[in-house]
PDB file of N, CA and C in Angstrom:
ATOM      1  N   MET A   1      52.646 -12.463  59.094  1.00  0.00           N
ATOM      2  CA  MET A   1      52.749 -12.923  57.730  1.00  0.00           C
ATOM      3  C   MET A   1      51.346 -13.211  57.182  1.00  0.00           C
ATOM      4  N   VAL A   2      51.119 -12.888  55.958  1.00  0.00           N
ATOM      5  CA  VAL A   2      49.809 -13.045  55.350  1.00  0.00           C
ATOM      6  C   VAL A   2      49.652 -14.463  54.799  1.00  0.00           C
ATOM      7  N   GLU A   3      48.535 -15.086  55.124  1.00  0.00           N
ATOM      8  CA  GLU A   3      48.247 -16.414  54.616  1.00  0.00           C
ATOM      9  C   GLU A   3      47.879 -16.332  53.145  1.00  0.00           C
ATOM     10  N   LYS A   4      48.440 -17.246  52.360  1.00  0.00           N
ATOM     11  CA  LYS A   4      48.167 -17.264  50.920  1.00  0.00           C
ATOM     12  C   LYS A   4      47.551 -18.595  50.545  1.00  0.00           C
ATOM     13  N   ILE A   5      46.863 -18.593  49.433  1.00  0.00           N
ATOM     14  CA  ILE A   5      46.273 -19.817  48.904  1.00  0.00           C
ATOM     15  C   ILE A   5      46.981 -20.152  47.602  1.00  0.00           C
ATOM     16  N   PHE A   6      47.483 -21.387  47.525  1.00  0.00           N
ATOM     17  CA  PHE A   6      48.173 -21.867  46.339  1.00  0.00           C
ATOM     18  C   PHE A   6      47.417 -23.054  45.776  1.00  0.00           C
ATOM     19  N   THR A   7      47.432 -23.178  44.473  1.00  0.00           N
ATOM     20  CA  THR A   7      46.945 -24.382  43.824  1.00  0.00           C
ATOM     21  C   THR A   7      48.180 -25.116  43.335  1.00  0.00           C
ATOM     22  N   VAL A   8      48.347 -26.341  43.824  1.00  0.00           N
ATOM     23  CA  VAL A   8      49.526 -27.129  43.463  1.00  0.00           C
ATOM     24  C   VAL A   8      49.077 -28.433  42.830  1.00  0.00           C
ATOM     25  N   GLN A   9      49.971 -29.010  42.045  1.00  0.00           N
ATOM     26  CA  GLN A   9      49.661 -30.276  41.403  1.00  0.00           C
ATOM     27  C   GLN A   9      50.686 -31.310  41.857  1.00  0.00           C
ATOM     28  N   LEU A  10      50.191 -32.384  42.445  1.00  0.00           N
ATOM     29  CA  LEU A  10      51.017 -33.492  42.911  1.00  0.00           C
ATOM     30  C   LEU A  10      50.458 -34.780  42.337  1.00  0.00           C
ATOM     31  N   LEU A  11      51.299 -35.541  41.672  1.00  0.00           N
ATOM     32  CA  LEU A  11      50.871 -36.784  41.021  1.00  0.00           C
ATOM     33  C   LEU A  11      49.633 -36.571  40.147  1.00  0.00           C
ATOM     34  N   GLU A  12      49.713 -35.573  39.316  1.00  0.00           N
ATOM     35  CA  GLU A  12      48.645 -35.230  38.367  1.00  0.00           C
ATOM     36  C   GLU A  12      47.308 -34.921  39.043  1.00  0.00           C
ATOM     37  N   LYS A  13      47.341 -34.561  40.317  1.00  0.00           N
ATOM     38  CA  LYS A  13      46.111 -34.182  41.021  1.00  0.00           C
ATOM     39  C   LYS A  13      46.297 -32.784  41.595  1.00  0.00           C
ATOM     40  N   GLU A  14      45.271 -31.972  41.466  1.00  0.00           N
ATOM     41  CA  GLU A  14      45.335 -30.592  41.935  1.00  0.00           C
ATOM     42  C   GLU A  14      44.876 -30.481  43.386  1.00  0.00           C
ATOM     43  N   PHE A  15      45.624 -29.674  44.152  1.00  0.00           N
ATOM     44  CA  PHE A  15      45.293 -29.424  45.552  1.00  0.00           C
ATOM     45  C   PHE A  15      45.334 -27.927  45.811  1.00  0.00           C
ATOM     46  N   THR A  16      44.461 -27.469  46.700  1.00  0.00           N
ATOM     47  CA  THR A  16      44.506 -26.089  47.149  1.00  0.00           C
ATOM     48  C   THR A  16      45.131 -26.095  48.529  1.00  0.00           C
ATOM     49  N   VAL A  17      46.176 -25.278  48.694  1.00  0.00           N
ATOM     50  CA  VAL A  17      46.936 -25.246  49.937  1.00  0.00           C
ATOM     51  C   VAL A  17      46.903 -23.837  50.498  1.00  0.00           C
ATOM     52  N   ARG A  18      46.614 -23.737  51.774  1.00  0.00           N
ATOM     53  CA  ARG A  18      46.632 -22.452  52.469  1.00  0.00           C
ATOM     54  C   ARG A  18      47.875 -22.444  53.359  1.00  0.00           C
ATOM     55  N   THR A  19      48.736 -21.429  53.193  1.00  0.00           N
ATOM     56  CA  THR A  19      49.997 -21.418  53.927  1.00  0.00           C
ATOM     57  C   THR A  19      50.524 -20.004  54.128  1.00  0.00           C
ATOM     58  N   ASN A  20      51.439 -19.880  55.082  1.00  0.00           N
ATOM     59  CA  ASN A  20      52.151 -18.615  55.304  1.00  0.00           C
ATOM     60  C   ASN A  20      53.493 -18.599  54.594  1.00  0.00           C
ATOM     61  N   GLU A  21      53.832 -19.691  53.924  1.00  0.00           N
ATOM     62  CA  GLU A  21      55.115 -19.765  53.230  1.00  0.00           C
ATOM     63  C   GLU A  21      55.181 -18.739  52.100  1.00  0.00           C
ATOM     64  N   PRO A  22      56.358 -18.123  51.922  1.00  0.00           N
ATOM     65  CA  PRO A  22      56.526 -17.238  50.768  1.00  0.00           C
ATOM     66  C   PRO A  22      56.396 -18.035  49.462  1.00  0.00           C
ATOM     67  N   THR A  23      56.004 -17.368  48.401  1.00  0.00           N
ATOM     68  CA  THR A  23      55.754 -18.029  47.124  1.00  0.00           C
ATOM     69  C   THR A  23      56.952 -18.846  46.649  1.00  0.00           C
ATOM     70  N   GLY A  24      58.136 -18.276  46.696  1.00  0.00           N
ATOM     71  CA  GLY A  24      59.332 -18.981  46.225  1.00  0.00           C
ATOM     72  C   GLY A  24      59.605 -20.245  47.010  1.00  0.00           C
ATOM     73  N   ARG A  25      59.448 -20.155  48.319  1.00  0.00           N
ATOM     74  CA  ARG A  25      59.673 -21.340  49.163  1.00  0.00           C
ATOM     75  C   ARG A  25      58.615 -22.404  48.890  1.00  0.00           C
ATOM     76  N   MET A  26      57.373 -21.979  48.708  1.00  0.00           N
ATOM     77  CA  MET A  26      56.299 -22.927  48.418  1.00  0.00           C
ATOM     78  C   MET A  26      56.566 -23.643  47.101  1.00  0.00           C
ATOM     79  N   GLN A  27      57.066 -22.916  46.116  1.00  0.00           N
ATOM     80  CA  GLN A  27      57.399 -23.538  44.833  1.00  0.00           C
ATOM     81  C   GLN A  27      58.503 -24.579  45.002  1.00  0.00           C
ATOM     82  N   LYS A  28      59.490 -24.276  45.845  1.00  0.00           N
ATOM     83  CA  LYS A  28      60.568 -25.239  46.109  1.00  0.00           C
ATOM     84  C   LYS A  28      60.036 -26.486  46.805  1.00  0.00           C
ATOM     85  N   ILE A  29      59.129 -26.288  47.753  1.00  0.00           N
ATOM     86  CA  ILE A  29      58.543 -27.413  48.479  1.00  0.00           C
ATOM     87  C   ILE A  29      57.773 -28.315  47.516  1.00  0.00           C
ATOM     88  N   VAL A  30      56.939 -27.709  46.692  1.00  0.00           N
ATOM     89  CA  VAL A  30      56.134 -28.481  45.736  1.00  0.00           C
ATOM     90  C   VAL A  30      57.048 -29.213  44.756  1.00  0.00           C
ATOM     91  N   GLU A  31      58.079 -28.547  44.282  1.00  0.00           N
ATOM     92  CA  GLU A  31      59.021 -29.176  43.345  1.00  0.00           C
ATOM     93  C   GLU A  31      59.724 -30.369  44.005  1.00  0.00           C
ATOM     94  N   PHE A  32      60.150 -30.188  45.257  1.00  0.00           N
ATOM     95  CA  PHE A  32      60.814 -31.264  45.987  1.00  0.00           C
ATOM     96  C   PHE A  32      59.887 -32.470  46.126  1.00  0.00           C
ATOM     97  N   VAL A  33      58.657 -32.211  46.570  1.00  0.00           N
ATOM     98  CA  VAL A  33      57.701 -33.302  46.777  1.00  0.00           C
ATOM     99  C   VAL A  33      57.381 -33.990  45.454  1.00  0.00           C
ATOM    100  N   ASN A  34      57.167 -33.211  44.406  1.00  0.00           N
ATOM    101  CA  ASN A  34      56.881 -33.803  43.095  1.00  0.00           C
ATOM    102  C   ASN A  34      58.039 -34.658  42.606  1.00  0.00           C
ATOM    103  N   ASP A  35      59.258 -34.169  42.769  1.00  0.00           N
ATOM    104  CA  ASP A  35      60.436 -34.950  42.371  1.00  0.00           C
ATOM    105  C   ASP A  35      60.498 -36.260  43.148  1.00  0.00           C
ATOM    106  N   TYR A  36      60.223 -36.175  44.442  1.00  0.00           N
ATOM    107  CA  TYR A  36      60.262 -37.364  45.297  1.00  0.00           C
ATOM    108  C   TYR A  36      59.184 -38.367  44.888  1.00  0.00           C
ATOM    109  N   LEU A  37      57.984 -37.875  44.649  1.00  0.00           N
ATOM    110  CA  LEU A  37      56.883 -38.743  44.235  1.00  0.00           C
ATOM    111  C   LEU A  37      57.185 -39.403  42.892  1.00  0.00           C
ATOM    112  N   THR A  38      57.734 -38.640  41.961  1.00  0.00           N
ATOM    113  CA  THR A  38      58.078 -39.166  40.650  1.00  0.00           C
ATOM    114  C   THR A  38      59.163 -40.235  40.763  1.00  0.00           C
ATOM    115  N   LYS A  39      60.134 -39.999  41.632  1.00  0.00           N
ATOM    116  CA  LYS A  39      61.216 -40.963  41.856  1.00  0.00           C
ATOM    117  C   LYS A  39      60.637 -42.290  42.361  1.00  0.00           C
ATOM    118  N   ILE A  40      59.761 -42.226  43.341  1.00  0.00           N
ATOM    119  CA  ILE A  40      59.156 -43.443  43.882  1.00  0.00           C
ATOM    120  C   ILE A  40      58.295 -44.133  42.827  1.00  0.00           C
ATOM    121  N   LYS A  41      57.555 -43.344  42.086  1.00  0.00           N
ATOM    122  CA  LYS A  41      56.664 -43.897  41.065  1.00  0.00           C
ATOM    123  C   LYS A  41      57.450 -44.640  39.984  1.00  0.00           C
ATOM    124  N   THR A  42      58.629 -44.132  39.627  1.00  0.00           N
ATOM    125  CA  THR A  42      59.422 -44.790  38.596  1.00  0.00           C
ATOM    126  C   THR A  42      60.191 -46.001  39.139  1.00  0.00           C
ATOM    127  N   GLN A  43      60.494 -45.999  40.438  1.00  0.00           N
ATOM    128  CA  GLN A  43      61.245 -47.105  41.037  1.00  0.00           C
ATOM    129  C   GLN A  43      60.353 -48.269  41.446  1.00  0.00           C
ATOM    130  N   ARG A  44      59.098 -48.016  41.691  1.00  0.00           N
ATOM    131  CA  ARG A  44      58.175 -49.039  42.185  1.00  0.00           C
ATOM    132  C   ARG A  44      57.012 -49.198  41.199  1.00  0.00           C
ATOM    133  N   PRO A  45      56.480 -50.385  41.124  1.00  0.00           N
ATOM    134  CA  PRO A  45      55.389 -50.612  40.169  1.00  0.00           C
ATOM    135  C   PRO A  45      54.012 -50.150  40.658  1.00  0.00           C
ATOM    136  N   PHE A  46      53.989 -49.361  41.738  1.00  0.00           N
ATOM    137  CA  PHE A  46      52.697 -48.935  42.291  1.00  0.00           C
ATOM    138  C   PHE A  46      52.015 -47.925  41.373  1.00  0.00           C
ATOM    139  N   LYS A  47      50.738 -48.110  41.186  1.00  0.00           N
ATOM    140  CA  LYS A  47      49.968 -47.156  40.390  1.00  0.00           C
ATOM    141  C   LYS A  47      49.054 -46.323  41.282  1.00  0.00           C
ATOM    142  N   ASP A  48      48.827 -46.789  42.488  1.00  0.00           N
ATOM    143  CA  ASP A  48      47.944 -46.127  43.425  1.00  0.00           C
ATOM    144  C   ASP A  48      48.626 -44.895  44.031  1.00  0.00           C
ATOM    145  N   ARG A  49      48.007 -43.732  43.881  1.00  0.00           N
ATOM    146  CA  ARG A  49      48.577 -42.480  44.408  1.00  0.00           C
ATOM    147  C   ARG A  49      48.770 -42.521  45.914  1.00  0.00           C
ATOM    148  N   THR A  50      47.847 -43.155  46.607  1.00  0.00           N
ATOM    149  CA  THR A  50      47.945 -43.209  48.074  1.00  0.00           C
ATOM    150  C   THR A  50      49.186 -43.981  48.504  1.00  0.00           C
ATOM    151  N   THR A  51      49.453 -45.113  47.886  1.00  0.00           N
ATOM    152  CA  THR A  51      50.633 -45.908  48.220  1.00  0.00           C
ATOM    153  C   THR A  51      51.906 -45.137  47.930  1.00  0.00           C
ATOM    154  N   ILE A  52      51.968 -44.513  46.773  1.00  0.00           N
ATOM    155  CA  ILE A  52      53.146 -43.717  46.398  1.00  0.00           C
ATOM    156  C   ILE A  52      53.339 -42.577  47.393  1.00  0.00           C
ATOM    157  N   SER A  53      52.249 -41.910  47.745  1.00  0.00           N
ATOM    158  CA  SER A  53      52.316 -40.786  48.680  1.00  0.00           C
ATOM    159  C   SER A  53      52.773 -41.231  50.063  1.00  0.00           C
ATOM    160  N   LEU A  54      52.244 -42.349  50.543  1.00  0.00           N
ATOM    161  CA  LEU A  54      52.640 -42.843  51.860  1.00  0.00           C
ATOM    162  C   LEU A  54      54.101 -43.267  51.895  1.00  0.00           C
ATOM    163  N   LEU A  55      54.574 -43.894  50.835  1.00  0.00           N
ATOM    164  CA  LEU A  55      55.996 -44.251  50.767  1.00  0.00           C
ATOM    165  C   LEU A  55      56.868 -42.991  50.768  1.00  0.00           C
ATOM    166  N   ALA A  56      56.436 -41.977  50.056  1.00  0.00           N
ATOM    167  CA  ALA A  56      57.183 -40.716  50.042  1.00  0.00           C
ATOM    168  C   ALA A  56      57.210 -40.093  51.435  1.00  0.00           C
ATOM    169  N   VAL A  57      56.067 -40.092  52.108  1.00  0.00           N
ATOM    170  CA  VAL A  57      55.994 -39.535  53.463  1.00  0.00           C
ATOM    171  C   VAL A  57      56.934 -40.295  54.396  1.00  0.00           C
ATOM    172  N   LEU A  58      56.923 -41.614  54.324  1.00  0.00           N
ATOM    173  CA  LEU A  58      57.808 -42.411  55.175  1.00  0.00           C
ATOM    174  C   LEU A  58      59.277 -42.121  54.885  1.00  0.00           C
ATOM    175  N   ASN A  59      59.640 -42.061  53.616  1.00  0.00           N
ATOM    176  CA  ASN A  59      61.032 -41.790  53.235  1.00  0.00           C
ATOM    177  C   ASN A  59      61.474 -40.391  53.647  1.00  0.00           C
ATOM    178  N   ILE A  60      60.652 -39.401  53.374  1.00  0.00           N
ATOM    179  CA  ILE A  60      60.992 -38.021  53.722  1.00  0.00           C
ATOM    180  C   ILE A  60      61.084 -37.874  55.241  1.00  0.00           C
ATOM    181  N   THR A  61      60.174 -38.503  55.968  1.00  0.00           N
ATOM    182  CA  THR A  61      60.206 -38.440  57.430  1.00  0.00           C
ATOM    183  C   THR A  61      61.464 -39.103  57.970  1.00  0.00           C
ATOM    184  N   GLY A  62      61.838 -40.230  57.394  1.00  0.00           N
ATOM    185  CA  GLY A  62      63.077 -40.899  57.799  1.00  0.00           C
ATOM    186  C   GLY A  62      64.292 -40.012  57.597  1.00  0.00           C
ATOM    187  N   GLU A  63      64.367 -39.365  56.442  1.00  0.00           N
ATOM    188  CA  GLU A  63      65.477 -38.454  56.160  1.00  0.00           C
ATOM    189  C   GLU A  63      65.452 -37.258  57.111  1.00  0.00           C
ATOM    190  N   TYR A  64      64.266 -36.734  57.370  1.00  0.00           N
ATOM    191  CA  TYR A  64      64.123 -35.598  58.283  1.00  0.00           C
ATOM    192  C   TYR A  64      64.603 -35.957  59.688  1.00  0.00           C
ATOM    193  N   LEU A  65      64.154 -37.104  60.186  1.00  0.00           N
ATOM    194  CA  LEU A  65      64.547 -37.518  61.538  1.00  0.00           C
ATOM    195  C   LEU A  65      66.055 -37.758  61.634  1.00  0.00           C
ATOM    196  N   GLU A  66      66.635 -38.321  60.581  1.00  0.00           N
ATOM    197  CA  GLU A  66      68.091 -38.527  60.561  1.00  0.00           C
ATOM    198  C   GLU A  66      68.824 -37.188  60.630  1.00  0.00           C
ATOM    199  N   LEU A  67      68.384 -36.221  59.844  1.00  0.00           N
ATOM    200  CA  LEU A  67      68.999 -34.889  59.873  1.00  0.00           C
ATOM    201  C   LEU A  67      68.803 -34.215  61.224  1.00  0.00           C
ATOM    202  N   LYS A  68      67.637 -34.405  61.815  1.00  0.00           N
ATOM    203  CA  LYS A  68      67.355 -33.824  63.123  1.00  0.00           C
ATOM    204  C   LYS A  68      68.282 -34.420  64.188  1.00  0.00           C
ATOM    205  N   GLU A  69      68.496 -35.729  64.125  1.00  0.00           N
ATOM    206  CA  GLU A  69      69.405 -36.389  65.066  1.00  0.00           C
ATOM    207  C   GLU A  69      70.849 -35.908  64.865  1.00  0.00           C
ATOM    208  N   GLU A  70      71.252 -35.765  63.595  1.00  0.00           N
ATOM    209  CA  GLU A  70      72.603 -35.265  63.300  1.00  0.00           C
ATOM    210  C   GLU A  70      72.774 -33.844  63.823  1.00  0.00           C
ATOM    211  N   LYS A  71      71.745 -33.017  63.660  1.00  0.00           N
ATOM    212  CA  LYS A  71      71.790 -31.635  64.147  1.00  0.00           C
ATOM    213  C   LYS A  71      71.925 -31.609  65.658  1.00  0.00           C
ATOM    214  N   LEU A  72      71.161 -32.449  66.342  1.00  0.00           N
ATOM    215  CA  LEU A  72      71.218 -32.518  67.792  1.00  0.00           C
ATOM    216  C   LEU A  72      72.606 -32.957  68.260  1.00  0.00           C
ATOM    217  N   ALA A  73      73.174 -33.957  67.603  1.00  0.00           N
ATOM    218  CA  ALA A  73      74.517 -34.424  67.956  1.00  0.00           C
ATOM    219  C   ALA A  73      75.548 -33.326  67.719  1.00  0.00           C
ATOM    220  N   LEU A  74      75.393 -32.591  66.627  1.00  0.00           N
ATOM    221  CA  LEU A  74      76.316 -31.487  66.320  1.00  0.00           C
ATOM    222  C   LEU A  74      76.195 -30.383  67.357  1.00  0.00           C
ATOM    223  N   GLU A  75      74.967 -30.055  67.748  1.00  0.00           N
ATOM    224  CA  GLU A  75      74.764 -29.033  68.779  1.00  0.00           C
ATOM    225  C   GLU A  75      75.423 -29.442  70.091  1.00  0.00           C
ATOM    226  N   LYS A  76      75.306 -30.717  70.465  1.00  0.00           N
ATOM    227  CA  LYS A  76      75.933 -31.208  71.699  1.00  0.00           C
ATOM    228  C   LYS A  76      77.452 -31.114  71.599  1.00  0.00           C
ATOM    229  N   GLU A  77      77.989 -31.460  70.442  1.00  0.00           N
ATOM    230  CA  GLU A  77      79.438 -31.393  70.238  1.00  0.00           C
ATOM    231  C   GLU A  77      79.933 -29.948  70.305  1.00  0.00           C
ATOM    232  N   VAL A  78      79.198 -29.029  69.699  1.00  0.00           N
ATOM    233  CA  VAL A  78      79.562 -27.613  69.741  1.00  0.00           C
ATOM    234  C   VAL A  78      79.508 -27.103  71.177  1.00  0.00           C
ATOM    235  N   GLU A  79      78.457 -27.490  71.914  1.00  0.00           N
ATOM    236  CA  GLU A  79      78.337 -27.062  73.310  1.00  0.00           C
ATOM    237  C   GLU A  79      79.498 -27.615  74.141  1.00  0.00           C
ATOM    238  N   LYS A  80      79.855 -28.865  73.908  1.00  0.00           N
ATOM    239  CA  LYS A  80      80.964 -29.493  74.637  1.00  0.00           C
ATOM    240  C   LYS A  80      82.277 -28.747  74.363  1.00  0.00           C
ATOM    241  N   LYS A  81      82.521 -28.445  73.100  1.00  0.00           N
ATOM    242  CA  LYS A  81      83.758 -27.734  72.741  1.00  0.00           C
ATOM    243  C   LYS A  81      83.745 -26.301  73.273  1.00  0.00           C
ATOM    244  N   ALA A  82      82.590 -25.661  73.231  1.00  0.00           N
ATOM    245  CA  ALA A  82      82.484 -24.294  73.758  1.00  0.00           C
ATOM    246  C   ALA A  82      82.759 -24.284  75.255  1.00  0.00           C
ATOM    247  N   ASN A  83      82.206 -25.248  75.975  1.00  0.00           N
ATOM    248  CA  ASN A  83      82.456 -25.336  77.417  1.00  0.00           C
ATOM    249  C   ASN A  83      83.933 -25.592  77.709  1.00  0.00           C
ATOM    250  N   TYR A  84      84.562 -26.416  76.896  1.00  0.00           N
ATOM    251  CA  TYR A  84      85.995 -26.677  77.058  1.00  0.00           C
ATOM    252  C   TYR A  84      86.800 -25.392  76.848  1.00  0.00           C
ATOM    253  N   LEU A  85      86.466 -24.652  75.800  1.00  0.00           N
ATOM    254  CA  LEU A  85      87.169 -23.396  75.517  1.00  0.00           C
ATOM    255  C   LEU A  85      86.939 -22.381  76.637  1.00  0.00           C
ATOM    256  N   ILE A  86      85.724 -22.331  77.157  1.00  0.00           N
ATOM    257  CA  ILE A  86      85.426 -21.420  78.270  1.00  0.00           C
ATOM    258  C   ILE A  86      86.256 -21.796  79.488  1.00  0.00           C
ATOM    259  N   SER A  87      86.385 -23.088  79.752  1.00  0.00           N
ATOM    260  CA  SER A  87      87.190 -23.514  80.908  1.00  0.00           C
ATOM    261  C   SER A  87      88.664 -23.151  80.715  1.00  0.00           C
ATOM    262  N   LEU A  88      89.165 -23.247  79.482  1.00  0.00           N
ATOM    263  CA  LEU A  88      90.549 -22.827  79.208  1.00  0.00           C
ATOM    264  C   LEU A  88      90.735 -21.327  79.439  1.00  0.00           C
ATOM    265  N   ILE A  89      89.775 -20.568  78.987  1.00  0.00           N
ATOM    266  CA  ILE A  89      89.842 -19.108  79.179  1.00  0.00           C
ATOM    267  C   ILE A  89      89.797 -18.771  80.655  1.00  0.00           C
ATOM    268  N   ASP A  90      88.901 -19.460  81.389  1.00  0.00           N
ATOM    269  CA  ASP A  90      88.786 -19.226  82.836  1.00  0.00           C
ATOM    270  C   ASP A  90      90.099 -19.539  83.581  1.00  0.00           C
ATOM    271  N   GLN A  91      90.817 -20.560  83.109  1.00  0.00           N
ATOM    272  CA  GLN A  91      92.081 -20.924  83.734  1.00  0.00           C
ATOM    273  C   GLN A  91      93.115 -19.811  83.606  1.00  0.00           C
ATOM    274  N   TYR A  92      93.075 -19.087  82.528  1.00  0.00           N
ATOM    275  CA  TYR A  92      94.089 -18.059  82.267  1.00  0.00           C
ATOM    276  C   TYR A  92      93.662 -16.663  82.729  1.00  0.00           C
ATOM    277  N   LEU A  93      92.498 -16.559  83.277  1.00  0.00           N
ATOM    278  CA  LEU A  93      92.043 -15.241  83.777  1.00  0.00           C
ATOM    279  C   LEU A  93      92.270 -15.081  85.238  1.00  0.00           C
TER     280      LEU A  93
END
């Protein structure tokens, strides 16, 4: 995949980002982060970009870890059910 350079704007500040992400996906990522930053900025009286950014990072990381744990639990449940089904099939063969 070819590395691309994007100029993105987060909290009214411009950043240059080098990534392998496709353009459409990068636009979605930037939109998501901007929406999240704006949400925090409107909910909290913080004016400092660093504080807003760190709160966003903490919140997004918390959500990510929760989803990762849910995925792991789902994978274990699927494996458990698959093993049960395999044992049923083995009984009838």
